[in-house]
Amino acid sequence: MPVSVSSAAANHIKKQMLGRGRGLGIRIGVRTSGCSGMAYVLEFVDEPQAEDQVFEKDGAAVYIDPKSMVYLDGTELDFVKEGLNEGLKFNNPNVSAECGCGESFTV
C-alpha cells in the first residue's frame, strides 16, 4: 500500500468525523508552501473527487489526489502525543529536509 494509516491515526480520524457530524473522511495533500517548499494540507471530505485514491483503516477513510501521491508514496500517517501536543504525524520516506519549525519539507 503506497500510504498506510496507523490504528491510532484511524481512531483519531473517526473521532474527528464523529465530532463534525458529517463527511466521508479526510483528504491529505501536498502543496507548495512554507520555507522549505512543500507543506501537508488536511481537509474534510464531503464529496470525493473522481481521481482520488482512497485508503481505509479500521473504518477511517483517507483520500489523496494523484498529484500529491507522488510525494506521499510510502508514507505512514500516525497520531502521536508528545507532551502537551498531539496530532497527526507524517512519516514520509521521501522527505530529504524539513524547516526548523517542522511545517514544511523538501523532497
N, C-alpha and C. Protein backbone atom coordinates (compact mmCIF):
# COMPACT_ATOMS: atom_id res chain seq x y z
N MET A 1 0.85 -1.18 0.00
CA MET A 1 0.00 0.00 0.00
C MET A 1 0.90 1.25 0.00
N PRO A 2 0.70 2.15 -0.93
CA PRO A 2 1.54 3.34 -1.02
C PRO A 2 1.46 4.23 0.21
N VAL A 3 0.30 4.33 0.84
CA VAL A 3 0.14 5.12 2.06
C VAL A 3 -0.53 4.22 3.10
N SER A 4 0.02 4.23 4.31
CA SER A 4 -0.58 3.42 5.37
C SER A 4 -1.07 4.34 6.49
N VAL A 5 -2.06 3.86 7.20
CA VAL A 5 -2.67 4.61 8.30
C VAL A 5 -2.56 3.75 9.54
N SER A 6 -1.97 4.29 10.60
CA SER A 6 -1.86 3.53 11.85
C SER A 6 -3.24 3.43 12.52
N SER A 7 -3.37 2.49 13.42
CA SER A 7 -4.62 2.36 14.17
C SER A 7 -4.92 3.61 14.98
N ALA A 8 -3.87 4.21 15.56
CA ALA A 8 -4.05 5.44 16.34
C ALA A 8 -4.57 6.57 15.45
N ALA A 9 -4.03 6.70 14.24
CA ALA A 9 -4.49 7.73 13.30
C ALA A 9 -5.93 7.46 12.88
N ALA A 10 -6.25 6.20 12.62
CA ALA A 10 -7.61 5.84 12.22
C ALA A 10 -8.60 6.21 13.32
N ASN A 11 -8.26 5.91 14.57
CA ASN A 11 -9.14 6.25 15.69
C ASN A 11 -9.32 7.76 15.80
N HIS A 12 -8.24 8.51 15.62
CA HIS A 12 -8.32 9.98 15.69
C HIS A 12 -9.22 10.52 14.57
N ILE A 13 -9.05 10.01 13.37
CA ILE A 13 -9.87 10.46 12.23
C ILE A 13 -11.34 10.16 12.50
N LYS A 14 -11.64 8.97 13.00
CA LYS A 14 -13.04 8.63 13.30
C LYS A 14 -13.63 9.55 14.35
N LYS A 15 -12.85 9.89 15.38
CA LYS A 15 -13.34 10.81 16.42
C LYS A 15 -13.61 12.19 15.83
N GLN A 16 -12.73 12.66 14.96
CA GLN A 16 -12.93 13.97 14.34
C GLN A 16 -14.17 13.97 13.46
N MET A 17 -14.39 12.90 12.73
CA MET A 17 -15.57 12.81 11.86
C MET A 17 -16.84 12.74 12.70
N LEU A 18 -16.79 12.00 13.78
CA LEU A 18 -17.95 11.90 14.68
C LEU A 18 -18.27 13.27 15.28
N GLY A 19 -17.25 13.98 15.73
CA GLY A 19 -17.45 15.32 16.30
C GLY A 19 -17.98 16.30 15.28
N ARG A 20 -17.57 16.15 14.05
CA ARG A 20 -18.03 17.03 12.97
C ARG A 20 -19.48 16.73 12.59
N GLY A 21 -19.85 15.45 12.69
CA GLY A 21 -21.24 15.08 12.43
C GLY A 21 -21.57 14.75 10.99
N ARG A 22 -20.61 14.86 10.10
CA ARG A 22 -20.85 14.51 8.69
C ARG A 22 -19.51 14.34 7.99
N GLY A 23 -19.56 13.79 6.80
CA GLY A 23 -18.35 13.63 6.00
C GLY A 23 -17.97 12.18 5.80
N LEU A 24 -17.09 11.97 4.83
CA LEU A 24 -16.67 10.63 4.44
C LEU A 24 -15.30 10.27 5.01
N GLY A 25 -14.48 11.26 5.30
CA GLY A 25 -13.13 11.02 5.77
C GLY A 25 -12.32 12.30 5.67
N ILE A 26 -10.99 12.15 5.56
CA ILE A 26 -10.13 13.32 5.39
C ILE A 26 -9.34 13.18 4.09
N ARG A 27 -8.96 14.31 3.53
CA ARG A 27 -8.09 14.35 2.36
C ARG A 27 -6.75 14.90 2.82
N ILE A 28 -5.68 14.21 2.45
CA ILE A 28 -4.35 14.75 2.69
C ILE A 28 -3.72 15.05 1.34
N GLY A 29 -3.01 16.14 1.32
CA GLY A 29 -2.36 16.54 0.09
C GLY A 29 -1.08 17.27 0.37
N VAL A 30 -0.38 17.63 -0.68
CA VAL A 30 0.87 18.37 -0.60
C VAL A 30 0.74 19.58 -1.50
N ARG A 31 1.08 20.74 -0.97
CA ARG A 31 1.01 21.98 -1.73
C ARG A 31 2.32 22.74 -1.59
N THR A 32 2.63 23.57 -2.57
CA THR A 32 3.80 24.44 -2.49
C THR A 32 3.53 25.48 -1.42
N SER A 33 4.41 25.53 -0.42
CA SER A 33 4.19 26.43 0.70
C SER A 33 5.37 26.35 1.66
N GLY A 34 5.46 27.29 2.56
CA GLY A 34 6.43 27.24 3.64
C GLY A 34 7.84 27.57 3.19
N CYS A 35 8.74 27.59 4.16
CA CYS A 35 10.12 27.99 3.88
C CYS A 35 10.94 26.88 3.23
N SER A 36 10.49 25.62 3.30
CA SER A 36 11.23 24.53 2.66
C SER A 36 10.64 24.12 1.32
N GLY A 37 9.50 24.68 0.96
CA GLY A 37 8.96 24.42 -0.37
C GLY A 37 7.64 23.70 -0.44
N MET A 38 7.37 22.75 0.47
CA MET A 38 6.12 21.99 0.41
C MET A 38 5.56 21.82 1.81
N ALA A 39 4.23 21.72 1.87
CA ALA A 39 3.57 21.53 3.16
C ALA A 39 2.39 20.58 2.99
N TYR A 40 2.08 19.86 4.04
CA TYR A 40 0.92 18.97 4.04
C TYR A 40 -0.35 19.80 4.23
N VAL A 41 -1.41 19.36 3.57
CA VAL A 41 -2.72 20.00 3.68
C VAL A 41 -3.72 18.93 4.08
N LEU A 42 -4.54 19.23 5.08
CA LEU A 42 -5.59 18.32 5.53
C LEU A 42 -6.93 19.01 5.43
N GLU A 43 -7.94 18.28 4.96
CA GLU A 43 -9.29 18.83 4.90
C GLU A 43 -10.30 17.69 4.99
N PHE A 44 -11.48 18.01 5.44
CA PHE A 44 -12.55 17.02 5.50
C PHE A 44 -13.07 16.76 4.09
N VAL A 45 -13.54 15.55 3.87
CA VAL A 45 -14.10 15.17 2.57
C VAL A 45 -15.60 14.94 2.73
N ASP A 46 -16.39 15.77 2.04
CA ASP A 46 -17.83 15.56 1.99
C ASP A 46 -18.22 14.92 0.66
N GLU A 47 -17.51 15.30 -0.39
CA GLU A 47 -17.74 14.76 -1.73
C GLU A 47 -16.39 14.32 -2.30
N PRO A 48 -16.20 13.03 -2.58
CA PRO A 48 -14.93 12.59 -3.13
C PRO A 48 -14.75 13.09 -4.58
N GLN A 49 -13.51 13.28 -4.97
CA GLN A 49 -13.19 13.61 -6.35
C GLN A 49 -12.96 12.29 -7.10
N ALA A 50 -13.32 12.26 -8.37
CA ALA A 50 -13.23 11.03 -9.16
C ALA A 50 -11.81 10.46 -9.19
N GLU A 51 -10.81 11.33 -9.18
CA GLU A 51 -9.42 10.88 -9.29
C GLU A 51 -8.77 10.54 -7.95
N ASP A 52 -9.46 10.76 -6.83
CA ASP A 52 -8.90 10.46 -5.51
C ASP A 52 -8.57 8.98 -5.36
N GLN A 53 -7.47 8.70 -4.67
CA GLN A 53 -7.19 7.35 -4.21
C GLN A 53 -7.65 7.30 -2.75
N VAL A 54 -8.26 6.20 -2.37
CA VAL A 54 -8.81 6.08 -1.02
C VAL A 54 -8.12 4.95 -0.29
N PHE A 55 -7.66 5.25 0.93
CA PHE A 55 -7.03 4.26 1.80
C PHE A 55 -7.87 4.19 3.07
N GLU A 56 -8.21 2.97 3.48
CA GLU A 56 -9.04 2.81 4.67
C GLU A 56 -8.35 1.96 5.71
N LYS A 57 -8.61 2.31 6.96
CA LYS A 57 -8.09 1.53 8.09
C LYS A 57 -9.11 1.62 9.21
N ASP A 58 -9.59 0.49 9.65
CA ASP A 58 -10.50 0.41 10.80
C ASP A 58 -11.69 1.36 10.66
N GLY A 59 -12.22 1.52 9.46
CA GLY A 59 -13.39 2.36 9.25
C GLY A 59 -13.10 3.83 9.02
N ALA A 60 -11.83 4.22 8.95
CA ALA A 60 -11.45 5.61 8.67
C ALA A 60 -10.93 5.69 7.24
N ALA A 61 -11.43 6.66 6.48
CA ALA A 61 -11.03 6.82 5.09
C ALA A 61 -10.11 8.02 4.91
N VAL A 62 -9.03 7.82 4.15
CA VAL A 62 -8.09 8.88 3.81
C VAL A 62 -8.06 8.98 2.29
N TYR A 63 -8.34 10.18 1.78
CA TYR A 63 -8.38 10.45 0.35
C TYR A 63 -7.12 11.22 -0.05
N ILE A 64 -6.55 10.86 -1.21
CA ILE A 64 -5.35 11.53 -1.69
C ILE A 64 -5.50 11.79 -3.18
N ASP A 65 -5.22 13.04 -3.59
CA ASP A 65 -5.27 13.37 -5.02
C ASP A 65 -4.02 12.83 -5.71
N PRO A 66 -4.10 12.53 -7.01
CA PRO A 66 -2.97 11.92 -7.72
C PRO A 66 -1.70 12.78 -7.74
N LYS A 67 -1.81 14.09 -7.76
CA LYS A 67 -0.63 14.95 -7.79
C LYS A 67 0.15 14.85 -6.47
N SER A 68 -0.56 14.69 -5.37
CA SER A 68 0.09 14.56 -4.07
C SER A 68 0.66 13.17 -3.84
N MET A 69 0.11 12.17 -4.51
CA MET A 69 0.55 10.80 -4.33
C MET A 69 2.04 10.64 -4.61
N VAL A 70 2.57 11.39 -5.56
CA VAL A 70 3.99 11.31 -5.90
C VAL A 70 4.85 11.62 -4.67
N TYR A 71 4.42 12.57 -3.86
CA TYR A 71 5.19 12.99 -2.68
C TYR A 71 4.87 12.17 -1.44
N LEU A 72 3.75 11.46 -1.45
CA LEU A 72 3.30 10.72 -0.28
C LEU A 72 3.52 9.21 -0.36
N ASP A 73 4.02 8.73 -1.48
CA ASP A 73 4.22 7.30 -1.68
C ASP A 73 5.10 6.72 -0.57
N GLY A 74 4.60 5.72 0.13
CA GLY A 74 5.34 5.08 1.21
C GLY A 74 5.15 5.72 2.57
N THR A 75 4.34 6.76 2.64
CA THR A 75 4.13 7.49 3.90
C THR A 75 3.23 6.72 4.85
N GLU A 76 3.56 6.80 6.14
CA GLU A 76 2.67 6.29 7.18
C GLU A 76 2.08 7.49 7.90
N LEU A 77 0.76 7.53 7.99
CA LEU A 77 0.06 8.56 8.74
C LEU A 77 -0.18 8.00 10.14
N ASP A 78 0.32 8.71 11.14
CA ASP A 78 0.21 8.25 12.52
C ASP A 78 -0.38 9.36 13.38
N PHE A 79 -0.84 9.03 14.56
CA PHE A 79 -1.31 10.01 15.53
C PHE A 79 -0.43 9.88 16.75
N VAL A 80 0.20 10.98 17.15
CA VAL A 80 1.14 10.93 18.27
C VAL A 80 0.81 11.99 19.31
N LYS A 81 1.17 11.67 20.54
CA LYS A 81 1.07 12.61 21.66
C LYS A 81 2.50 12.82 22.16
N GLU A 82 2.94 14.09 22.15
CA GLU A 82 4.27 14.44 22.63
C GLU A 82 4.12 15.57 23.63
N GLY A 83 4.21 15.23 24.91
CA GLY A 83 4.00 16.23 25.94
C GLY A 83 2.57 16.73 25.90
N LEU A 84 2.40 18.04 25.78
CA LEU A 84 1.06 18.64 25.71
C LEU A 84 0.51 18.68 24.29
N ASN A 85 1.34 18.33 23.31
CA ASN A 85 0.93 18.38 21.90
C ASN A 85 0.49 17.01 21.42
N GLU A 86 -0.49 17.02 20.55
CA GLU A 86 -0.92 15.79 19.90
C GLU A 86 -1.41 16.13 18.51
N GLY A 87 -1.29 15.18 17.61
CA GLY A 87 -1.77 15.42 16.25
C GLY A 87 -1.30 14.35 15.29
N LEU A 88 -1.74 14.50 14.05
CA LEU A 88 -1.35 13.57 13.00
C LEU A 88 0.10 13.84 12.62
N LYS A 89 0.83 12.77 12.39
CA LYS A 89 2.24 12.88 12.01
C LYS A 89 2.46 12.10 10.72
N PHE A 90 3.19 12.72 9.81
CA PHE A 90 3.52 12.09 8.54
C PHE A 90 4.92 11.51 8.63
N ASN A 91 5.04 10.20 8.56
CA ASN A 91 6.33 9.53 8.49
C ASN A 91 6.58 9.26 7.01
N ASN A 92 7.20 10.25 6.35
CA ASN A 92 7.33 10.24 4.90
C ASN A 92 8.78 9.95 4.50
N PRO A 93 9.03 8.80 3.86
CA PRO A 93 10.40 8.45 3.49
C PRO A 93 10.95 9.30 2.34
N ASN A 94 10.12 10.08 1.69
CA ASN A 94 10.55 10.91 0.56
C ASN A 94 11.15 12.25 0.99
N VAL A 95 10.97 12.63 2.26
CA VAL A 95 11.44 13.92 2.75
C VAL A 95 12.96 13.90 2.88
N SER A 96 13.60 14.89 2.26
CA SER A 96 15.06 15.00 2.38
C SER A 96 15.48 16.06 3.39
N ALA A 97 14.60 17.05 3.66
CA ALA A 97 14.89 18.10 4.64
C ALA A 97 13.59 18.72 5.10
N GLU A 98 13.60 19.26 6.33
CA GLU A 98 12.45 19.96 6.89
C GLU A 98 12.90 21.32 7.40
N CYS A 99 11.96 22.24 7.44
CA CYS A 99 12.29 23.56 8.02
C CYS A 99 12.40 23.42 9.53
N GLY A 100 12.93 24.41 10.19
CA GLY A 100 13.12 24.37 11.64
C GLY A 100 11.86 24.19 12.44
N CYS A 101 10.76 24.75 11.96
CA CYS A 101 9.50 24.65 12.71
C CYS A 101 8.74 23.37 12.38
N GLY A 102 9.17 22.64 11.35
CA GLY A 102 8.53 21.37 11.01
C GLY A 102 7.27 21.50 10.19
N GLU A 103 6.96 22.70 9.73
CA GLU A 103 5.72 22.91 8.97
C GLU A 103 5.86 22.63 7.48
N SER A 104 7.08 22.64 6.96
CA SER A 104 7.27 22.39 5.54
C SER A 104 8.48 21.50 5.32
N PHE A 105 8.58 20.96 4.10
CA PHE A 105 9.63 19.99 3.81
C PHE A 105 10.06 20.08 2.35
N THR A 106 11.16 19.37 2.06
CA THR A 106 11.69 19.26 0.71
C THR A 106 11.82 17.78 0.39
N VAL A 107 11.58 17.42 -0.87
CA VAL A 107 11.78 16.02 -1.29
C VAL A 107 12.95 15.94 -2.24
